[in-house]
N, C-alpha and C. Protein backbone atom coordinates (compact mmCIF):
# COMPACT_ATOMS: atom_id res chain seq x y z
N UNK A 1 139.82 45.49 109.32
CA UNK A 1 139.54 46.94 109.15
C UNK A 1 140.45 47.74 110.25
N UNK A 2 141.14 48.74 109.71
CA UNK A 2 141.98 49.74 110.54
C UNK A 2 140.98 50.56 111.46
N UNK A 3 141.86 51.11 112.78
CA UNK A 3 140.83 51.52 113.60
C UNK A 3 140.47 53.05 112.95
N UNK A 4 141.06 53.64 112.08
CA UNK A 4 140.76 55.21 111.50
C UNK A 4 139.28 54.88 110.75
N UNK A 5 139.40 53.65 109.91
CA UNK A 5 138.25 53.19 109.05
C UNK A 5 137.16 53.03 110.14
N UNK A 6 137.44 52.36 111.17
CA UNK A 6 136.24 51.94 112.08
C UNK A 6 135.75 53.30 112.72
N UNK A 7 136.57 54.21 113.04
CA UNK A 7 136.07 55.29 113.35
C UNK A 7 135.16 55.93 112.73
N UNK A 8 135.78 56.07 111.31
CA UNK A 8 134.74 56.83 110.43
C UNK A 8 133.56 56.07 109.93
N UNK A 9 133.66 54.68 109.88
CA UNK A 9 132.40 53.90 109.87
C UNK A 9 131.29 54.02 110.88
N UNK A 10 132.02 53.82 112.03
CA UNK A 10 131.10 53.91 113.28
C UNK A 10 130.34 55.11 113.24
N UNK A 11 131.09 56.26 113.20
CA UNK A 11 130.66 57.45 113.31
C UNK A 11 129.43 57.87 112.18
N UNK A 12 129.80 57.53 110.96
CA UNK A 12 129.14 57.70 109.81
C UNK A 12 127.75 56.83 109.66
N UNK A 13 127.74 55.75 110.59
CA UNK A 13 126.72 54.80 110.15
C UNK A 13 125.64 54.96 111.47
N UNK A 14 125.56 54.29 112.45
CA UNK A 14 124.38 54.31 113.38
C UNK A 14 124.81 55.08 114.68
N UNK A 15 126.11 54.93 115.15
CA UNK A 15 126.18 55.73 116.54
C UNK A 15 125.80 57.17 116.53
N UNK A 16 126.17 57.78 115.49
CA UNK A 16 126.24 59.24 115.42
C UNK A 16 124.59 59.54 115.30
N UNK A 17 124.21 58.69 114.77
CA UNK A 17 122.60 59.06 114.69
C UNK A 17 121.91 59.01 115.88
N UNK A 18 122.33 58.52 116.89
CA UNK A 18 121.84 58.26 118.38
C UNK A 18 122.18 59.22 119.20
N UNK A 19 123.50 60.15 118.74
CA UNK A 19 123.97 61.29 119.53
C UNK A 19 122.90 62.31 119.92
N UNK A 20 122.21 62.89 119.17
CA UNK A 20 121.12 63.90 119.63
C UNK A 20 120.33 63.42 120.83
N UNK A 21 119.59 62.29 120.55
CA UNK A 21 118.61 61.69 121.65
C UNK A 21 119.25 61.42 123.17
N UNK A 22 120.73 60.80 122.83
CA UNK A 22 121.12 60.26 123.87
C UNK A 22 121.80 61.47 124.44
N UNK A 23 122.09 62.46 123.94
CA UNK A 23 122.92 63.46 124.73
C UNK A 23 121.90 64.33 125.38
N UNK A 24 120.52 64.49 124.88
CA UNK A 24 119.60 65.17 125.55
C UNK A 24 119.30 64.43 126.85
N UNK A 25 119.43 63.19 126.92
CA UNK A 25 119.14 62.45 128.31
C UNK A 25 120.28 62.51 129.15
N UNK A 26 121.64 62.61 128.67
CA UNK A 26 122.91 62.73 129.31
C UNK A 26 122.60 64.34 130.09
N UNK A 27 122.55 65.34 129.26
CA UNK A 27 122.19 66.61 129.86
C UNK A 27 121.44 66.64 130.89
N UNK A 28 120.38 65.98 130.90
CA UNK A 28 119.26 66.31 131.78
C UNK A 28 119.78 65.72 133.34
N UNK A 29 120.64 64.31 132.93
CA UNK A 29 121.06 63.66 134.23
C UNK A 29 122.30 64.19 134.64
N UNK A 30 122.91 64.98 133.80
CA UNK A 30 124.04 65.79 134.33
C UNK A 30 123.77 67.00 135.17
N UNK A 31 122.46 67.46 135.20
CA UNK A 31 121.87 68.71 135.73
C UNK A 31 121.83 68.45 137.22
N UNK A 32 121.65 67.18 137.88
CA UNK A 32 121.61 66.68 138.92
C UNK A 32 122.83 66.05 139.71
N UNK A 33 123.87 65.68 138.55
CA UNK A 33 124.90 64.87 139.19
C UNK A 33 126.12 65.94 139.73
N UNK A 34 126.90 65.31 140.38
CA UNK A 34 128.10 65.90 141.10
C UNK A 34 129.19 65.37 140.21
N UNK A 35 129.23 64.64 139.45
CA UNK A 35 130.30 63.91 138.67
C UNK A 35 130.82 65.08 137.77
N UNK A 36 132.04 64.77 137.39
CA UNK A 36 132.57 65.74 136.17
C UNK A 36 132.31 65.34 134.81
N UNK A 37 131.75 64.04 134.64
CA UNK A 37 131.38 63.62 133.35
C UNK A 37 130.56 62.43 133.59
N UNK A 38 129.63 62.18 132.51
CA UNK A 38 128.82 60.96 132.54
C UNK A 38 128.84 60.21 131.17
N UNK A 39 128.63 59.03 131.12
CA UNK A 39 128.88 58.24 130.07
C UNK A 39 127.52 57.33 129.77
N UNK A 40 127.49 57.14 128.52
CA UNK A 40 126.15 56.11 128.19
C UNK A 40 126.86 55.15 127.01
N UNK A 41 126.67 53.87 127.08
CA UNK A 41 127.31 53.02 126.03
C UNK A 41 126.27 52.89 125.10
N UNK A 42 126.70 53.30 123.92
CA UNK A 42 125.65 53.00 122.89
C UNK A 42 125.77 51.87 122.04
N UNK A 43 126.74 51.10 122.12
CA UNK A 43 127.02 49.60 121.54
C UNK A 43 128.09 48.98 122.28
N UNK A 44 127.88 47.83 122.56
CA UNK A 44 128.90 46.90 123.16
C UNK A 44 128.87 45.59 122.85
N UNK A 45 130.08 45.06 122.28
CA UNK A 45 130.25 43.72 121.82
C UNK A 45 131.73 43.21 122.04
N UNK A 46 131.91 41.98 121.78
CA UNK A 46 133.43 41.68 122.09
C UNK A 46 134.30 42.29 121.31
N UNK A 47 133.79 42.81 119.99
CA UNK A 47 134.50 43.27 118.89
C UNK A 47 134.82 44.62 119.19
N UNK A 48 133.91 45.64 119.71
CA UNK A 48 133.91 46.83 119.85
C UNK A 48 133.00 47.58 120.75
N UNK A 49 133.24 48.58 121.36
CA UNK A 49 132.50 49.44 122.31
C UNK A 49 132.39 50.87 122.08
N UNK A 50 131.09 51.72 122.01
CA UNK A 50 130.74 52.86 121.62
C UNK A 50 130.31 53.56 122.72
N UNK A 51 131.15 54.68 123.28
CA UNK A 51 130.56 55.31 124.47
C UNK A 51 130.21 56.78 124.13
N UNK A 52 129.32 57.29 124.62
CA UNK A 52 128.99 58.64 124.50
C UNK A 52 129.34 59.45 125.61
N UNK A 53 129.89 60.50 126.00
CA UNK A 53 130.48 61.23 127.13
C UNK A 53 129.86 62.67 127.18
N UNK A 54 129.34 63.09 128.39
CA UNK A 54 129.10 64.64 128.40
C UNK A 54 129.81 65.08 129.47
N UNK A 55 130.66 65.99 129.35
CA UNK A 55 131.58 66.75 130.41
C UNK A 55 130.86 67.84 130.75
N UNK A 56 130.97 68.25 131.96
CA UNK A 56 130.95 69.59 132.69
C UNK A 56 132.15 70.46 132.02
N UNK A 57 131.88 71.82 132.12
CA UNK A 57 133.16 72.63 131.77
C UNK A 57 134.33 72.39 132.67
N UNK A 58 135.33 72.43 132.08
CA UNK A 58 136.73 72.31 132.92
C UNK A 58 136.87 71.27 133.83
N UNK A 59 136.26 70.26 133.43
CA UNK A 59 136.40 68.86 134.32
C UNK A 59 137.10 67.77 133.46
N UNK A 60 137.77 66.83 134.38
CA UNK A 60 138.66 66.14 133.51
C UNK A 60 138.75 64.45 134.23
N UNK A 61 139.46 63.63 133.56
CA UNK A 61 139.47 62.39 133.99
C UNK A 61 140.82 62.23 134.84
N UNK A 62 141.03 60.83 135.37
CA UNK A 62 142.34 60.70 136.17
C UNK A 62 143.31 60.51 134.97
N UNK A 63 144.52 60.23 135.25
CA UNK A 63 145.53 59.74 134.14
C UNK A 63 145.14 58.22 134.15
N UNK A 64 144.96 57.78 132.83
CA UNK A 64 144.60 56.40 132.61
C UNK A 64 145.01 55.74 131.39
N UNK A 65 145.05 54.52 131.19
CA UNK A 65 145.23 53.92 129.82
C UNK A 65 144.01 52.88 129.57
N UNK A 66 143.78 52.30 128.38
CA UNK A 66 142.82 51.58 127.96
C UNK A 66 143.14 50.20 127.63
N UNK A 67 143.84 49.38 128.46
CA UNK A 67 144.39 48.19 128.40
C UNK A 67 144.82 47.85 127.23
N UNK A 68 144.29 46.89 126.50
CA UNK A 68 144.62 46.30 125.04
C UNK A 68 143.88 47.10 123.94
N UNK A 69 143.08 47.86 124.29
CA UNK A 69 142.06 48.33 123.09
C UNK A 69 142.89 49.64 122.57
N UNK A 70 142.34 49.55 121.33
CA UNK A 70 142.75 50.74 120.44
C UNK A 70 141.57 51.62 120.17
N UNK A 71 141.75 52.78 120.04
CA UNK A 71 140.51 53.63 119.73
C UNK A 71 140.51 54.87 119.27
N UNK A 72 139.41 55.72 119.01
CA UNK A 72 139.35 57.29 118.51
C UNK A 72 138.24 57.50 119.52
N UNK A 73 138.51 58.94 119.59
CA UNK A 73 137.33 59.57 120.22
C UNK A 73 137.24 60.82 119.58
N UNK A 74 135.96 61.24 119.13
CA UNK A 74 135.69 62.25 118.16
C UNK A 74 134.94 63.32 119.12
N UNK A 75 135.34 64.57 119.00
CA UNK A 75 134.80 65.67 119.82
C UNK A 75 133.55 66.08 119.07
N UNK A 76 132.46 65.94 119.50
CA UNK A 76 131.25 66.07 118.96
C UNK A 76 130.90 67.60 119.14
N UNK A 77 130.98 68.17 120.34
CA UNK A 77 130.78 69.58 120.50
C UNK A 77 131.64 70.10 121.60
N UNK A 78 132.01 71.19 121.73
CA UNK A 78 133.15 71.63 122.86
C UNK A 78 134.67 71.44 122.14
N UNK A 79 135.43 71.33 123.13
CA UNK A 79 137.02 70.95 122.91
C UNK A 79 137.41 70.03 124.33
N UNK A 80 138.32 69.31 123.85
CA UNK A 80 139.19 68.38 124.97
C UNK A 80 140.79 68.75 124.90
N UNK A 81 141.34 68.81 125.84
CA UNK A 81 142.91 68.82 126.23
C UNK A 81 143.08 67.40 126.45
N UNK A 82 144.14 67.07 125.70
CA UNK A 82 144.47 65.63 125.94
C UNK A 82 146.06 65.78 126.35
N UNK A 83 146.21 65.02 127.53
CA UNK A 83 147.84 64.91 128.03
C UNK A 83 148.14 63.77 127.99
N UNK A 84 149.47 63.46 127.26
CA UNK A 84 150.12 62.30 127.31
C UNK A 84 150.98 62.14 128.57
N UNK A 85 151.18 60.80 128.83
CA UNK A 85 152.28 60.49 130.21
C UNK A 85 153.08 59.31 130.12
N UNK A 86 154.15 59.22 130.44
CA UNK A 86 154.90 58.22 130.97
C UNK A 86 155.05 57.86 132.24
N UNK A 87 154.77 56.49 132.52
CA UNK A 87 154.97 56.01 133.92
C UNK A 87 156.20 55.34 134.29
N UNK A 88 157.10 55.85 135.23
CA UNK A 88 158.31 55.35 135.47
C UNK A 88 158.21 54.32 136.69
N UNK A 89 157.18 54.05 137.03
CA UNK A 89 156.86 53.01 138.24
C UNK A 89 156.38 53.68 139.52
N UNK A 90 156.67 54.92 139.61
CA UNK A 90 155.97 55.63 140.70
C UNK A 90 155.25 57.15 140.35
N UNK A 91 155.88 57.90 139.22
CA UNK A 91 155.47 58.99 138.76
C UNK A 91 155.03 58.94 137.37
N UNK A 92 154.15 60.02 137.08
CA UNK A 92 153.73 60.28 135.50
C UNK A 92 154.41 61.35 135.25
N UNK A 93 155.25 61.17 134.19
CA UNK A 93 156.16 62.34 133.35
C UNK A 93 155.37 62.88 132.39
N UNK A 94 154.96 63.94 132.30
CA UNK A 94 153.89 64.62 131.15
C UNK A 94 154.79 64.59 129.85
N UNK A 95 154.37 63.99 128.78
CA UNK A 95 155.03 63.91 127.68
C UNK A 95 154.84 65.13 126.80
N UNK A 96 153.42 65.37 126.52
CA UNK A 96 152.88 66.47 125.70
C UNK A 96 151.41 66.42 126.06
N UNK A 97 150.87 67.55 125.41
CA UNK A 97 149.39 68.15 125.58
C UNK A 97 148.80 68.71 124.07
N UNK A 98 147.75 68.64 123.80
CA UNK A 98 147.26 68.88 122.73
C UNK A 98 145.57 69.45 122.79
N UNK A 99 145.34 70.17 122.39
CA UNK A 99 143.86 70.71 122.24
C UNK A 99 143.10 70.26 121.17
N UNK A 100 141.91 69.64 121.26
CA UNK A 100 141.27 68.95 120.03
C UNK A 100 139.94 69.87 119.91
N UNK A 101 139.65 70.47 119.04
CA UNK A 101 138.34 71.25 118.76
C UNK A 101 137.18 70.32 118.32
N UNK A 102 136.12 70.92 118.36
CA UNK A 102 135.18 69.88 117.62
C UNK A 102 135.25 69.58 116.51
N UNK A 103 134.72 68.48 116.26
CA UNK A 103 134.87 67.58 114.89
C UNK A 103 136.26 66.98 114.54
N UNK A 104 137.12 66.88 115.50
CA UNK A 104 138.34 66.34 115.51
C UNK A 104 138.40 65.03 116.26
N UNK A 105 139.27 64.14 115.93
CA UNK A 105 139.50 62.69 116.67
C UNK A 105 140.90 62.69 117.39
N UNK A 106 140.79 62.27 118.43
CA UNK A 106 142.19 61.83 119.34
C UNK A 106 142.30 60.33 118.86
N UNK A 107 143.65 59.91 118.75
CA UNK A 107 143.94 58.28 118.87
C UNK A 107 144.34 57.82 120.26
N UNK A 108 143.64 56.81 120.48
CA UNK A 108 143.89 55.94 121.75
C UNK A 108 144.77 54.61 121.13
N UNK A 109 145.57 54.48 121.85
CA UNK A 109 146.62 53.34 121.61
C UNK A 109 146.97 52.64 123.01
N UNK A 110 147.07 51.43 123.10
CA UNK A 110 147.16 50.61 124.36
C UNK A 110 148.33 51.15 125.03
N UNK A 111 149.52 51.75 124.70
CA UNK A 111 150.74 52.05 125.44
C UNK A 111 150.47 53.48 126.07
N UNK A 112 149.37 54.15 125.38
CA UNK A 112 149.16 55.45 125.97
C UNK A 112 148.64 55.52 127.42
N UNK A 113 149.19 56.44 128.23
CA UNK A 113 148.65 57.03 129.51
C UNK A 113 148.05 58.42 129.09
N UNK A 114 146.82 58.63 129.48
CA UNK A 114 146.69 60.12 129.09
C UNK A 114 145.57 60.64 130.13
N UNK A 115 145.21 61.69 129.91
CA UNK A 115 144.07 62.48 130.65
C UNK A 115 143.30 63.18 129.71
N UNK A 116 142.12 63.41 129.81
CA UNK A 116 141.45 64.43 128.94
C UNK A 116 140.62 65.37 130.01
N UNK A 117 140.50 66.79 129.65
CA UNK A 117 139.94 67.79 130.20
C UNK A 117 139.04 68.44 129.40
N UNK A 118 137.86 68.73 129.69
CA UNK A 118 137.02 69.53 128.57
C UNK A 118 137.36 71.04 128.93
N UNK A 119 136.88 71.69 127.96
CA UNK A 119 137.29 73.38 127.88
C UNK A 119 136.10 73.89 128.81
N UNK A 120 136.10 75.38 128.46
CA UNK A 120 135.41 76.42 129.03
C UNK A 120 133.60 76.08 129.02
N UNK A 121 133.39 75.29 128.06
CA UNK A 121 132.09 74.94 127.74
C UNK A 121 131.73 73.52 128.19
N UNK A 122 130.25 73.08 128.14
CA UNK A 122 130.24 71.71 128.26
C UNK A 122 130.80 71.15 126.90
N UNK A 123 131.03 69.82 126.82
CA UNK A 123 131.65 69.07 126.01
C UNK A 123 131.13 67.61 125.60
N UNK A 124 131.16 67.28 124.60
CA UNK A 124 130.44 65.99 124.22
C UNK A 124 131.50 65.22 123.22
N UNK A 125 131.65 63.82 123.87
CA UNK A 125 132.92 63.14 123.14
C UNK A 125 132.16 61.85 122.74
N UNK A 126 132.53 61.38 121.73
CA UNK A 126 132.05 59.94 121.44
C UNK A 126 133.47 58.92 121.08
N UNK A 127 133.33 58.06 121.91
CA UNK A 127 134.36 56.87 122.00
C UNK A 127 134.31 55.75 121.42
N UNK A 128 135.37 55.30 120.53
CA UNK A 128 135.20 54.15 119.75
C UNK A 128 136.31 53.10 120.27
N UNK A 129 136.00 52.05 120.88
CA UNK A 129 137.32 51.18 121.06
C UNK A 129 137.37 49.92 120.58
N UNK A 130 138.31 49.26 119.94
CA UNK A 130 138.41 47.68 119.50
C UNK A 130 139.46 47.24 119.89
N UNK A 131 139.62 45.94 120.56
CA UNK A 131 138.14 45.42 120.95
C UNK A 131 137.56 46.22 122.24
N UNK A 132 136.65 45.69 122.78
CA UNK A 132 135.86 46.64 123.81
C UNK A 132 136.94 46.30 125.02
N UNK A 133 137.06 47.47 126.03
CA UNK A 133 137.67 47.59 126.93
C UNK A 133 137.50 46.32 128.00
N UNK A 134 138.40 45.62 128.28
CA UNK A 134 138.48 44.40 129.32
C UNK A 134 138.80 45.05 130.76
N UNK A 135 140.03 45.87 130.44
CA UNK A 135 140.21 46.27 131.89
C UNK A 135 141.30 47.63 131.30
N UNK A 136 141.45 48.70 132.56
CA UNK A 136 142.40 49.83 132.34
C UNK A 136 143.13 49.98 133.75
N UNK A 137 144.11 50.75 133.45
CA UNK A 137 144.91 51.24 134.73
C UNK A 137 144.70 52.62 134.88
N UNK A 138 144.55 53.07 136.10
CA UNK A 138 144.11 54.29 136.62
C UNK A 138 145.29 54.84 137.34
N UNK A 139 145.74 55.93 137.42
CA UNK A 139 146.72 56.36 138.00
C UNK A 139 146.17 57.21 139.23
N UNK A 140 146.63 56.67 140.30
CA UNK A 140 146.24 57.39 141.85
C UNK A 140 147.30 58.49 142.16
N UNK A 141 146.87 59.61 141.99
CA UNK A 141 147.90 60.90 142.42
C UNK A 141 148.25 60.79 143.61
N UNK A 142 147.58 60.28 144.52
CA UNK A 142 147.70 60.35 146.04
C UNK A 142 148.72 59.37 146.64
N UNK A 143 148.56 58.17 146.13
CA UNK A 143 149.47 57.14 146.48
C UNK A 143 150.49 56.75 145.39
N UNK A 144 150.49 57.31 144.20
CA UNK A 144 151.47 57.08 143.17
C UNK A 144 151.24 55.74 142.60
N UNK A 145 150.30 55.14 142.63
CA UNK A 145 150.27 53.67 142.04
C UNK A 145 148.99 53.60 141.12
N UNK A 146 149.41 52.53 140.37
CA UNK A 146 148.24 52.28 139.39
C UNK A 146 147.28 51.38 140.02
N UNK A 147 145.82 51.73 139.51
CA UNK A 147 144.78 50.78 140.02
C UNK A 147 144.31 50.33 138.80
N UNK A 148 143.84 48.88 139.04
CA UNK A 148 143.31 48.14 137.91
C UNK A 148 141.72 48.38 137.89
N UNK A 149 141.21 48.76 136.97
CA UNK A 149 139.71 48.94 136.75
C UNK A 149 139.02 47.91 135.79
N UNK A 150 138.32 47.27 136.06
CA UNK A 150 137.52 46.33 135.10
C UNK A 150 136.81 47.14 134.05
N UNK A 151 136.85 46.39 132.83
CA UNK A 151 135.99 47.00 131.93
C UNK A 151 136.32 48.38 131.79
N UNK A 152 135.06 49.18 130.96
CA UNK A 152 135.35 50.73 130.64
C UNK A 152 134.80 51.39 131.52
N UNK A 153 134.97 51.30 132.67
CA UNK A 153 134.28 51.98 133.90
C UNK A 153 135.10 53.45 133.73
N UNK A 154 134.62 54.27 134.42
CA UNK A 154 134.88 55.75 134.30
C UNK A 154 136.46 55.70 134.90
N UNK A 155 137.22 56.46 134.37
CA UNK A 155 138.72 56.64 134.80
C UNK A 155 138.87 57.52 136.09
N UNK A 156 138.27 56.81 136.99
CA UNK A 156 138.53 57.36 138.32
C UNK A 156 139.15 56.48 139.30
N UNK A 157 139.80 56.86 140.40
CA UNK A 157 140.55 55.88 141.21
C UNK A 157 139.42 55.67 142.37
N UNK A 158 139.54 54.62 142.95
CA UNK A 158 138.42 53.68 143.85
C UNK A 158 139.00 54.40 145.27
N UNK A 159 140.32 54.70 145.36
CA UNK A 159 140.65 55.24 146.96
C UNK A 159 141.09 56.49 146.96
N UNK A 160 140.67 57.41 146.10
CA UNK A 160 141.06 58.78 146.15
C UNK A 160 140.18 59.61 146.77
């Protein structure tokens, strides 16, 4: 199955049906959180991983990749600014940036380094990865080095 078909099938079948209930729980959790975004895993198997993320306004992730995983990110509500980068061994070079409005999908490939930032309003995204994320590299802007993160943990640096 192609990843575009996986995105469509996953969103149209069971995970999107879980979004309203899970989103309300995330919104309540976010009210007392100091984090820029919070995540809830909706499905996890060796073949795929589905994550619902709720973002505070104008908050973003660190620059990161998704290891060997491909994926799609559906903007359920709000908007996301995605920036793509190229790593030269010590610095990240910005390649491009695109804003994705509600009901659009971003493509995630293993070679991508990217960051995501929510717009002026709270934003909800649904992430689908195949296979599940085993590891990620997160760019630490202070040390100018990549940090390896196990699994699909938040794209944040441990030592920043």
